[in-house]
Amino acid sequence: MSTPPVKKMGLLGASSLVVANMVGTGLFLLPTSLANIGSISLFGWIVAAIGASALGLVFAHLGMVEPQAGGPYAYARDHLGPFAAFQTNFLYWGANVIGNVAIAVSVTGYLAVFFPGLKSPWVANACTAGIIWLFIWLNTRGANVVGHFTTVSTVAGILPIAFVGLLGWYWFRADVFMQGWNPQSLPTGSAITRSASIALWAFLGVESAAVSAGVIDNPRRNVPLATVIGLIVSTVIYVVCCTVMMGLLPNAELRTSGAPFAEAARVMLGNWAAIVISLAAILKAAGALVGWILIVAQSAQAAAQDGMFTRSFALTNQHGMPARNLIITGVLMTILLALTTSPNIATQFATITSATVVLMALPYIYSVVAMWRLNRTIGLTPGKQRLLIFVGLLACAYCVGVVLGQSAELNRQAFIVMLVSTPLFALVKVQQTIVGKVRGRAIKSVRMHLPRAKKPT
């Protein structure tokens, strides 16, 4: 009896996947982060879109010629060796753990619309910690529970984006937009670099189609098309929403807002609209947090199964979920939450997202190098080879620009994290050696005690 063919995603589904992963909860507080630079950040979006497009093409090409699960980690493992693979997974996993804290913070930001006491930093942190552990627990209940929750929340998340992005232009004021053009009087180049660096947070997930190439129909055609379409749609959504908000809310108000979409809705239609938008944003952010906690746990579980993380990250409970892994993730998120405590939610969100994008830069650069090494073995024409070298250089330049656009203190801390990955890798290799020897001795002992077969006479 023949098995039915596996149904794969077409171009529409793959494009939707890219958009859904890129236009996440970052949008709900990103206008606040960019307001610190000012309306001039519109130029930063252009630079960010070019750099993100280069990154997208890198992953699209990798997905076409060598589709496999694991994304940056898998490409580093296969083309750059075990240390690069470990470092990629360590930073990619760490960046996503930090990014999940930012999502939890955004949930608290919109809850403050209903509970003003959450504007106090430590009260807000307590609420955010409660949110983190609630969704850690929800993840231990099984992937099916997570799937149902995220489906409902994703549908709800469309409301605030569409409402403000489309209707907000009726209330847009050019004078408000221009008054917040460059509030810190930064040099133009510096303002563009910093805003383009912040905007990388919006483009995390550009590799979604390439990473999922194994479940996409006709990947050689649909992966690059879905990546480009997803990039264009996501860029339009981000630019439109951020721009319209800078013409709705005065810069001083937007810079400290913990719920910019709710504030914009209040300006447009009053308090009732702010309440509706806040509820939708909370539900969307909660769904994204549940889903990303699962992704982070699965990433660590896969690395543990490859011997790149401690084996405890791979242990599962009766629901098939890596419970111990999830608990460790929750502890780390809670510690990071306490370490990033800020006077207001907007500042805390900006700090966390900046740390995330800096840590993501190296895994992306490793992916570019992996692409170059792979291209030497697949017989590309010289013209296409040169084009992909240029695209890779553009992607690397953007990643380096992202790092340069952040503060020296943040970059120093990120450098320390990268240095820590070296002794951690050595410890992992020692553990692998010890486990290998123990298993070898056990097998040898079992063989010694097995009855030997008699030689035929």
Protein backbone atom coordinates (compact mmCIF):
# COMPACT_ATOMS: atom_id res chain seq x y z
CA MET A 1 0.00 0.00 0.00
CA SER A 2 1.54 3.31 -1.10
CA THR A 3 1.70 6.20 1.34
CA PRO A 4 0.02 9.49 0.33
CA PRO A 5 2.38 12.27 -0.76
CA VAL A 6 3.38 14.75 1.92
CA LYS A 7 1.64 18.10 1.50
CA LYS A 8 4.11 20.97 1.44
CA MET A 9 3.77 24.73 1.61
CA GLY A 10 3.37 26.60 -1.64
CA LEU A 11 4.58 30.13 -2.39
CA LEU A 12 1.71 31.79 -0.49
CA GLY A 13 2.24 29.68 2.61
CA ALA A 14 6.02 30.17 2.57
CA SER A 15 5.64 33.94 2.11
CA SER A 16 3.13 34.05 4.99
CA LEU A 17 5.59 32.14 7.17
CA VAL A 18 8.29 34.76 6.57
CA VAL A 19 5.91 37.64 7.28
CA ALA A 20 4.47 35.99 10.41
CA ASN A 21 7.93 35.33 11.87
CA MET A 22 9.31 38.78 11.02
CA VAL A 23 6.30 40.90 11.96
CA GLY A 24 6.15 39.70 15.52
CA THR A 25 5.69 41.50 18.79
CA GLY A 26 8.74 43.66 18.13
CA LEU A 27 6.44 45.93 16.18
CA PHE A 28 4.40 46.77 19.28
CA LEU A 29 7.30 48.61 20.99
CA LEU A 30 9.69 49.23 18.10
CA PRO A 31 8.26 52.73 17.33
CA THR A 32 9.25 53.71 20.86
CA SER A 33 12.85 52.53 20.39
CA LEU A 34 13.16 54.35 17.05
CA ALA A 35 11.62 57.53 18.50
CA ASN A 36 14.84 57.96 20.51
CA ILE A 37 16.57 58.53 17.16
CA GLY A 38 13.66 60.47 15.67
CA SER A 39 11.73 60.54 12.41
CA ILE A 40 15.07 60.56 10.59
CA SER A 41 15.07 56.81 11.30
CA LEU A 42 13.03 56.51 8.10
CA PHE A 43 16.39 56.53 6.27
CA GLY A 44 17.65 53.86 8.64
CA TRP A 45 14.81 51.63 7.48
CA ILE A 46 16.08 51.90 3.90
CA VAL A 47 19.60 50.81 4.94
CA ALA A 48 18.18 48.04 7.14
CA ALA A 49 15.96 46.77 4.31
CA ILE A 50 18.96 46.53 1.95
CA GLY A 51 21.07 44.70 4.55
CA ALA A 52 18.23 42.38 5.52
CA SER A 53 17.55 41.64 1.85
CA ALA A 54 21.18 40.54 1.45
CA LEU A 55 20.82 38.27 4.49
CA GLY A 56 17.57 36.92 3.09
CA LEU A 57 19.21 36.08 -0.23
CA VAL A 58 22.03 34.27 1.59
CA PHE A 59 19.55 32.03 3.39
CA ALA A 60 17.43 31.64 0.27
CA HIS A 61 20.46 30.37 -1.66
CA LEU A 62 21.46 28.01 1.16
CA GLY A 63 17.91 26.72 1.35
CA MET A 64 17.83 26.04 -2.38
CA VAL A 65 21.12 24.17 -2.74
CA GLU A 66 21.29 22.49 0.68
CA PRO A 67 17.92 22.54 2.48
CA GLN A 68 18.14 21.17 6.02
CA ALA A 69 16.74 21.79 9.48
CA GLY A 70 18.76 23.81 11.95
CA GLY A 71 19.39 27.02 10.03
CA PRO A 72 22.61 28.87 10.94
CA TYR A 73 23.68 26.12 13.35
CA ALA A 74 23.43 23.37 10.72
CA TYR A 75 25.35 25.36 8.08
CA ALA A 76 28.11 26.25 10.55
CA ARG A 77 28.34 22.62 11.67
CA ASP A 78 28.65 21.24 8.14
CA HIS A 79 30.94 23.86 6.60
CA LEU A 80 32.88 25.56 9.42
CA GLY A 81 33.45 22.81 11.98
CA PRO A 82 32.29 21.95 15.51
CA PHE A 83 33.55 25.08 17.31
CA ALA A 84 31.80 27.46 14.90
CA ALA A 85 28.68 25.29 15.20
CA PHE A 86 28.80 25.43 19.00
CA GLN A 87 29.40 29.17 19.04
CA THR A 88 26.62 29.76 16.50
CA ASN A 89 24.14 27.72 18.50
CA PHE A 90 25.25 29.27 21.80
CA LEU A 91 24.83 32.84 20.51
CA TYR A 92 21.70 32.11 18.45
CA TRP A 93 20.09 30.38 21.43
CA GLY A 94 21.24 33.09 23.82
CA ALA A 95 19.97 35.88 21.57
CA ASN A 96 16.56 34.24 21.36
CA VAL A 97 16.40 33.77 25.14
CA ILE A 98 17.11 37.50 25.52
CA GLY A 99 14.60 38.31 22.77
CA ASN A 100 11.93 36.37 24.64
CA VAL A 101 12.45 38.65 27.64
CA ALA A 102 11.72 41.60 25.34
CA ILE A 103 8.47 39.95 24.24
CA ALA A 104 7.45 39.38 27.87
CA VAL A 105 8.26 43.03 28.63
CA SER A 106 5.98 44.12 25.76
CA VAL A 107 3.10 42.11 27.30
CA THR A 108 3.55 44.01 30.57
CA GLY A 109 3.74 47.30 28.66
CA TYR A 110 0.26 46.83 27.25
CA LEU A 111 -1.11 45.43 30.52
CA ALA A 112 -0.12 48.79 32.08
CA VAL A 113 -2.98 50.37 30.09
CA PHE A 114 -5.33 48.53 32.46
CA PHE A 115 -3.13 48.47 35.57
CA PRO A 116 -1.24 51.80 35.95
CA GLY A 117 0.73 50.39 38.89
CA LEU A 118 2.75 48.36 36.36
CA LYS A 119 4.56 51.57 35.38
CA SER A 120 6.68 51.09 38.51
CA PRO A 121 9.88 49.24 37.43
CA TRP A 122 9.91 46.54 40.11
CA VAL A 123 6.15 45.94 39.98
CA ALA A 124 6.47 45.63 36.20
CA ASN A 125 9.35 43.18 36.61
CA ALA A 126 7.32 41.05 39.02
CA CYS A 127 4.46 40.95 36.51
CA THR A 128 6.82 40.09 33.64
CA ALA A 129 8.40 37.30 35.68
CA GLY A 130 4.93 35.89 36.36
CA ILE A 131 4.16 36.00 32.63
CA ILE A 132 7.42 34.18 31.81
CA TRP A 133 6.73 31.35 34.25
CA LEU A 134 3.08 31.04 33.24
CA PHE A 135 4.11 30.39 29.65
CA ILE A 136 7.03 28.16 30.66
CA TRP A 137 4.43 26.01 32.45
CA LEU A 138 2.10 26.14 29.43
CA ASN A 139 4.92 24.83 27.23
CA THR A 140 5.43 21.83 29.51
CA ARG A 141 1.83 20.77 28.78
CA GLY A 142 2.57 19.75 25.19
CA ALA A 143 3.09 21.16 21.69
CA ASN A 144 -0.61 20.75 20.87
CA VAL A 145 -1.58 23.20 23.63
CA VAL A 146 1.00 25.69 22.36
CA GLY A 147 -0.29 25.34 18.79
CA HIS A 148 -3.90 26.13 19.72
CA PHE A 149 -2.88 29.14 21.80
CA THR A 150 -0.63 30.69 19.15
CA THR A 151 -3.24 30.23 16.38
CA VAL A 152 -5.83 32.30 18.23
CA SER A 153 -3.32 34.96 19.28
CA THR A 154 -1.91 35.41 15.76
CA VAL A 155 -5.36 36.18 14.34
CA ALA A 156 -5.93 38.73 17.12
CA GLY A 157 -2.59 40.39 16.41
CA ILE A 158 -3.71 41.55 12.98
CA LEU A 159 -6.16 44.05 14.49
CA PRO A 160 -3.78 46.68 15.99
CA ILE A 161 -1.40 46.56 13.02
CA ALA A 162 -4.15 47.02 10.42
CA PHE A 163 -6.09 49.58 12.49
CA VAL A 164 -3.21 51.97 13.13
CA GLY A 165 -1.24 51.33 9.94
CA LEU A 166 -4.18 51.89 7.58
CA LEU A 167 -6.49 54.33 9.38
CA GLY A 168 -3.86 56.29 11.28
CA TRP A 169 -2.97 58.37 8.23
CA TYR A 170 -6.27 60.26 8.60
CA TRP A 171 -4.95 61.71 11.90
CA PHE A 172 -1.32 62.03 10.72
CA ARG A 173 0.20 65.51 11.33
CA ALA A 174 3.24 66.54 9.34
CA ASP A 175 4.23 69.15 11.95
CA VAL A 176 4.37 66.49 14.71
CA PHE A 177 6.44 64.26 12.42
CA MET A 178 8.96 67.04 11.63
CA GLN A 179 9.23 68.27 15.24
CA GLY A 180 10.56 64.83 16.17
CA TRP A 181 12.93 64.59 13.18
CA ASN A 182 16.21 64.47 15.12
CA PRO A 183 15.56 65.23 18.81
CA GLN A 184 19.13 64.47 19.93
CA SER A 185 20.70 66.49 17.07
CA LEU A 186 22.77 63.47 16.03
CA PRO A 187 24.97 63.62 12.92
CA THR A 188 22.95 62.29 9.99
CA GLY A 189 25.26 59.32 9.42
CA SER A 190 25.19 58.34 13.09
CA ALA A 191 21.39 58.61 13.25
CA ILE A 192 20.98 56.39 10.19
CA THR A 193 23.49 53.82 11.48
CA ARG A 194 21.87 53.61 14.91
CA SER A 195 18.32 53.34 13.56
CA ALA A 196 19.39 50.71 10.99
CA SER A 197 20.99 48.78 13.85
CA ILE A 198 17.80 48.89 15.92
CA ALA A 199 15.77 47.87 12.88
CA LEU A 200 17.58 44.51 12.61
CA TRP A 201 15.28 43.40 15.45
CA ALA A 202 12.42 43.81 12.97
CA PHE A 203 14.13 41.57 10.41
CA LEU A 204 15.06 38.67 12.69
CA GLY A 205 13.36 35.69 11.09
CA VAL A 206 14.37 36.62 7.54
CA GLU A 207 15.85 33.10 7.30
CA SER A 208 12.48 31.43 7.98
CA ALA A 209 11.79 30.20 4.43
CA ALA A 210 15.33 28.91 3.96
CA VAL A 211 15.32 27.07 7.29
CA SER A 212 11.95 25.52 6.35
CA ALA A 213 13.00 24.65 2.78
CA GLY A 214 12.45 20.93 3.45
CA VAL A 215 8.69 21.46 3.82
CA ILE A 216 8.28 23.96 0.97
CA ASP A 217 7.16 22.81 -2.46
CA ASN A 218 9.65 23.49 -5.28
CA PRO A 219 12.21 25.17 -2.96
CA ARG A 220 14.51 26.28 -5.78
CA ARG A 221 11.76 28.63 -6.94
CA ASN A 222 9.61 29.29 -3.88
CA VAL A 223 12.27 29.81 -1.18
CA PRO A 224 13.92 32.86 -2.78
CA LEU A 225 10.57 34.25 -3.96
CA ALA A 226 9.00 33.80 -0.52
CA THR A 227 12.02 35.46 1.11
CA VAL A 228 11.83 38.49 -1.19
CA ILE A 229 8.02 38.77 -0.94
CA GLY A 230 8.14 38.37 2.83
CA LEU A 231 10.85 41.03 3.11
CA ILE A 232 8.91 43.51 0.98
CA VAL A 233 5.61 42.99 2.83
CA SER A 234 7.27 43.10 6.26
CA THR A 235 9.26 46.22 5.40
CA VAL A 236 6.12 48.02 4.20
CA ILE A 237 4.25 47.09 7.39
CA TYR A 238 7.06 48.24 9.67
CA VAL A 239 7.78 51.48 7.82
CA VAL A 240 4.11 52.42 7.50
CA CYS A 241 3.26 51.73 11.16
CA CYS A 242 6.38 53.41 12.59
CA THR A 243 6.06 56.44 10.31
CA VAL A 244 2.37 57.05 10.96
CA MET A 245 2.92 56.78 14.71
CA MET A 246 5.64 59.44 14.60
CA GLY A 247 3.05 61.77 13.06
CA LEU A 248 0.36 60.86 15.60
CA LEU A 249 2.25 61.12 18.89
CA PRO A 250 4.70 63.87 19.91
CA ASN A 251 8.26 62.57 20.07
CA ALA A 252 8.63 63.17 23.84
CA GLU A 253 5.52 61.06 24.49
CA LEU A 254 6.40 58.31 22.02
CA ARG A 255 9.93 57.90 23.43
CA THR A 256 8.63 56.81 26.84
CA SER A 257 5.44 55.02 25.83
CA GLY A 258 5.05 51.44 26.99
CA ALA A 259 2.09 50.89 24.65
CA PRO A 260 2.50 53.08 21.53
CA PHE A 261 -0.26 51.38 19.50
CA ALA A 262 -2.71 51.94 22.36
CA GLU A 263 -1.66 55.58 22.65
CA ALA A 264 -2.10 56.05 18.89
CA ALA A 265 -5.56 54.46 19.04
CA ARG A 266 -6.48 56.82 21.89
CA VAL A 267 -5.51 59.84 19.77
CA MET A 268 -7.52 58.46 16.85
CA LEU A 269 -10.80 57.36 18.48
CA GLY A 270 -10.54 57.70 22.24
CA ASN A 271 -10.06 55.47 25.26
CA TRP A 272 -12.28 52.62 24.05
CA ALA A 273 -10.06 52.12 20.99
CA ALA A 274 -6.95 52.07 23.18
CA ILE A 275 -8.50 49.31 25.31
CA VAL A 276 -9.42 47.17 22.30
CA ILE A 277 -5.99 47.58 20.69
CA SER A 278 -4.24 46.82 23.98
CA LEU A 279 -6.18 43.59 24.42
CA ALA A 280 -5.29 42.49 20.89
CA ALA A 281 -1.61 43.41 21.39
CA ILE A 282 -1.48 41.52 24.70
CA LEU A 283 -2.95 38.41 23.09
CA LYS A 284 -0.56 38.60 20.11
CA ALA A 285 2.48 39.16 22.32
CA ALA A 286 1.44 36.33 24.64
CA GLY A 287 1.05 33.95 21.70
CA ALA A 288 4.42 34.92 20.29
CA LEU A 289 6.07 34.42 23.68
CA VAL A 290 4.60 30.92 24.01
CA GLY A 291 5.78 30.00 20.50
CA TRP A 292 9.28 31.44 20.86
CA ILE A 293 9.82 29.76 24.23
CA LEU A 294 9.07 26.49 22.46
CA ILE A 295 11.48 27.32 19.62
CA VAL A 296 14.28 28.20 22.06
CA ALA A 297 13.72 24.97 23.99
CA GLN A 298 13.73 22.89 20.82
CA SER A 299 16.92 24.60 19.63
CA ALA A 300 18.71 23.71 22.87
CA GLN A 301 17.24 20.19 22.76
CA ALA A 302 18.58 19.62 19.24
CA ALA A 303 22.01 20.89 20.28
CA ALA A 304 22.00 18.59 23.32
CA GLN A 305 21.16 15.62 21.10
CA ASP A 306 24.17 16.55 18.93
CA GLY A 307 26.37 16.75 22.02
CA MET A 308 26.70 20.54 21.79
CA PHE A 309 24.77 21.20 25.02
CA THR A 310 24.55 19.23 28.24
CA ARG A 311 22.34 16.14 27.93
CA SER A 312 19.85 17.49 30.51
CA PHE A 313 18.55 19.88 27.82
CA ALA A 314 17.34 16.87 25.81
CA LEU A 315 15.33 15.12 28.56
CA THR A 316 11.56 15.13 27.98
CA ASN A 317 8.49 14.73 30.22
CA GLN A 318 5.37 12.62 29.67
CA HIS A 319 4.06 15.20 27.20
CA GLY A 320 7.20 14.91 25.07
CA MET A 321 8.41 18.38 26.10
CA PRO A 322 11.96 19.17 27.35
CA ALA A 323 10.77 20.20 30.81
CA ARG A 324 14.17 20.62 32.47
CA ASN A 325 15.32 22.60 29.44
CA LEU A 326 12.27 24.88 29.79
CA ILE A 327 12.89 25.44 33.50
CA ILE A 328 16.54 26.40 32.86
CA THR A 329 15.33 28.79 30.14
CA GLY A 330 12.83 30.33 32.57
CA VAL A 331 15.54 30.86 35.21
CA LEU A 332 17.82 32.55 32.68
CA MET A 333 15.01 34.79 31.43
CA THR A 334 14.17 35.83 34.99
CA ILE A 335 17.83 36.68 35.73
CA LEU A 336 18.08 38.71 32.51
CA LEU A 337 14.87 40.51 33.41
CA ALA A 338 16.34 41.59 36.75
CA LEU A 339 19.66 42.63 35.17
CA THR A 340 17.93 44.88 32.61
CA THR A 341 15.65 46.69 35.07
CA SER A 342 15.11 50.24 33.78
CA PRO A 343 13.11 53.35 34.80
CA ASN A 344 10.42 52.48 32.26
CA ILE A 345 9.37 49.60 30.02
CA ALA A 346 10.37 51.43 26.83
CA THR A 347 13.99 51.77 27.98
CA GLN A 348 14.10 48.17 29.16
CA PHE A 349 12.77 46.93 25.82
CA ALA A 350 15.35 48.97 23.89
CA THR A 351 18.20 47.60 26.04
CA ILE A 352 17.12 43.99 25.57
CA THR A 353 16.56 44.22 21.81
CA SER A 354 19.93 45.91 21.31
CA ALA A 355 21.65 43.01 23.08
CA THR A 356 19.73 40.53 20.93
CA VAL A 357 20.75 42.00 17.57
CA VAL A 358 24.44 42.25 18.56
CA LEU A 359 24.55 38.55 19.49
CA MET A 360 22.80 37.59 16.24
CA ALA A 361 25.46 39.30 14.09
CA LEU A 362 28.09 36.53 14.36
CA PRO A 363 25.75 33.59 13.55
CA TYR A 364 24.60 35.49 10.46
CA ILE A 365 28.20 36.15 9.38
CA TYR A 366 29.05 32.48 9.89
CA SER A 367 26.15 31.62 7.59
CA VAL A 368 27.59 33.89 4.89
CA VAL A 369 31.01 32.19 5.17
CA ALA A 370 29.32 28.77 5.08
CA MET A 371 27.58 29.82 1.85
CA TRP A 372 30.88 30.86 0.26
CA ARG A 373 32.51 27.55 1.19
CA LEU A 374 29.53 25.58 -0.08
CA ASN A 375 29.51 27.50 -3.38
CA ARG A 376 33.04 26.32 -4.17
CA THR A 377 31.77 22.74 -4.34
CA ILE A 378 28.57 23.02 -6.40
CA GLY A 379 29.85 24.25 -9.77
CA LEU A 380 28.32 27.72 -10.01
CA THR A 381 29.03 29.91 -13.02
CA PRO A 382 31.67 32.60 -12.40
CA GLY A 383 29.02 35.32 -12.75
CA LYS A 384 26.72 33.82 -10.12
CA GLN A 385 29.71 33.10 -7.88
CA ARG A 386 30.74 36.77 -7.97
CA LEU A 387 27.14 37.91 -7.38
CA LEU A 388 26.82 35.75 -4.27
CA ILE A 389 30.19 36.95 -2.99
CA PHE A 390 28.91 40.54 -3.32
CA VAL A 391 25.61 39.68 -1.62
CA GLY A 392 27.52 38.02 1.22
CA LEU A 393 29.82 41.01 1.63
CA LEU A 394 26.77 43.30 1.78
CA ALA A 395 25.18 41.08 4.44
CA CYS A 396 28.43 41.03 6.47
CA ALA A 397 28.77 44.81 6.18
CA TYR A 398 25.27 45.22 7.56
CA CYS A 399 26.00 42.88 10.48
CA VAL A 400 29.20 44.79 11.28
CA GLY A 401 27.25 48.06 10.97
CA VAL A 402 24.70 46.75 13.47
CA VAL A 403 27.47 46.19 16.00
CA LEU A 404 29.04 49.60 15.32
CA GLY A 405 25.64 51.23 15.77
CA GLN A 406 25.38 50.04 19.37
CA SER A 407 27.03 51.47 22.46
CA ALA A 408 30.62 50.55 23.32
CA GLU A 409 29.48 49.12 26.68
CA LEU A 410 26.97 46.77 25.05
CA ASN A 411 29.52 45.61 22.49
CA ARG A 412 32.04 44.95 25.28
CA GLN A 413 29.50 42.78 27.09
CA ALA A 414 28.68 40.89 23.88
CA PHE A 415 32.40 40.31 23.30
CA ILE A 416 32.69 38.81 26.80
CA VAL A 417 29.81 36.44 26.00
CA MET A 418 31.60 35.34 22.81
CA LEU A 419 34.83 34.77 24.78
CA VAL A 420 32.93 32.66 27.32
CA SER A 421 31.82 30.36 24.48
CA THR A 422 35.43 29.14 24.06
CA PRO A 423 35.92 27.49 27.50
CA LEU A 424 32.32 26.27 27.37
CA PHE A 425 33.09 24.46 24.12
CA ALA A 426 36.15 22.88 25.76
CA LEU A 427 34.00 21.69 28.66
CA VAL A 428 31.47 20.19 26.24
CA LYS A 429 34.26 18.31 24.43
CA VAL A 430 35.59 17.01 27.77
CA GLN A 431 32.11 15.82 28.67
CA GLN A 432 31.76 14.10 25.29
CA THR A 433 35.12 12.36 25.80
CA ILE A 434 34.19 11.14 29.31
CA VAL A 435 30.76 9.92 28.16
CA GLY A 436 32.38 8.18 25.19
CA LYS A 437 34.92 6.40 27.41
CA VAL A 438 32.25 5.31 29.91
CA ARG A 439 30.09 3.94 27.12
CA GLY A 440 33.09 2.20 25.57
CA ARG A 441 33.99 0.52 28.86
CA ALA A 442 30.38 -0.52 29.42
CA ILE A 443 30.16 -2.08 25.96
CA LYS A 444 33.51 -3.82 26.45
CA SER A 445 32.37 -5.18 29.83
CA VAL A 446 29.13 -6.51 28.37
CA ARG A 447 31.01 -8.20 25.53
CA MET A 448 33.44 -9.83 27.95
CA HIS A 449 30.60 -11.41 29.91
CA LEU A 450 28.69 -12.64 26.88
CA PRO A 451 29.02 -16.39 26.22
CA ARG A 452 31.32 -17.02 23.32
CA ALA A 453 30.08 -19.03 20.39
CA LYS A 454 31.69 -22.46 20.05
CA LYS A 455 33.89 -23.06 17.05
CA PRO A 456 32.43 -25.56 14.60
CA THR A 457 34.15 -28.95 14.69
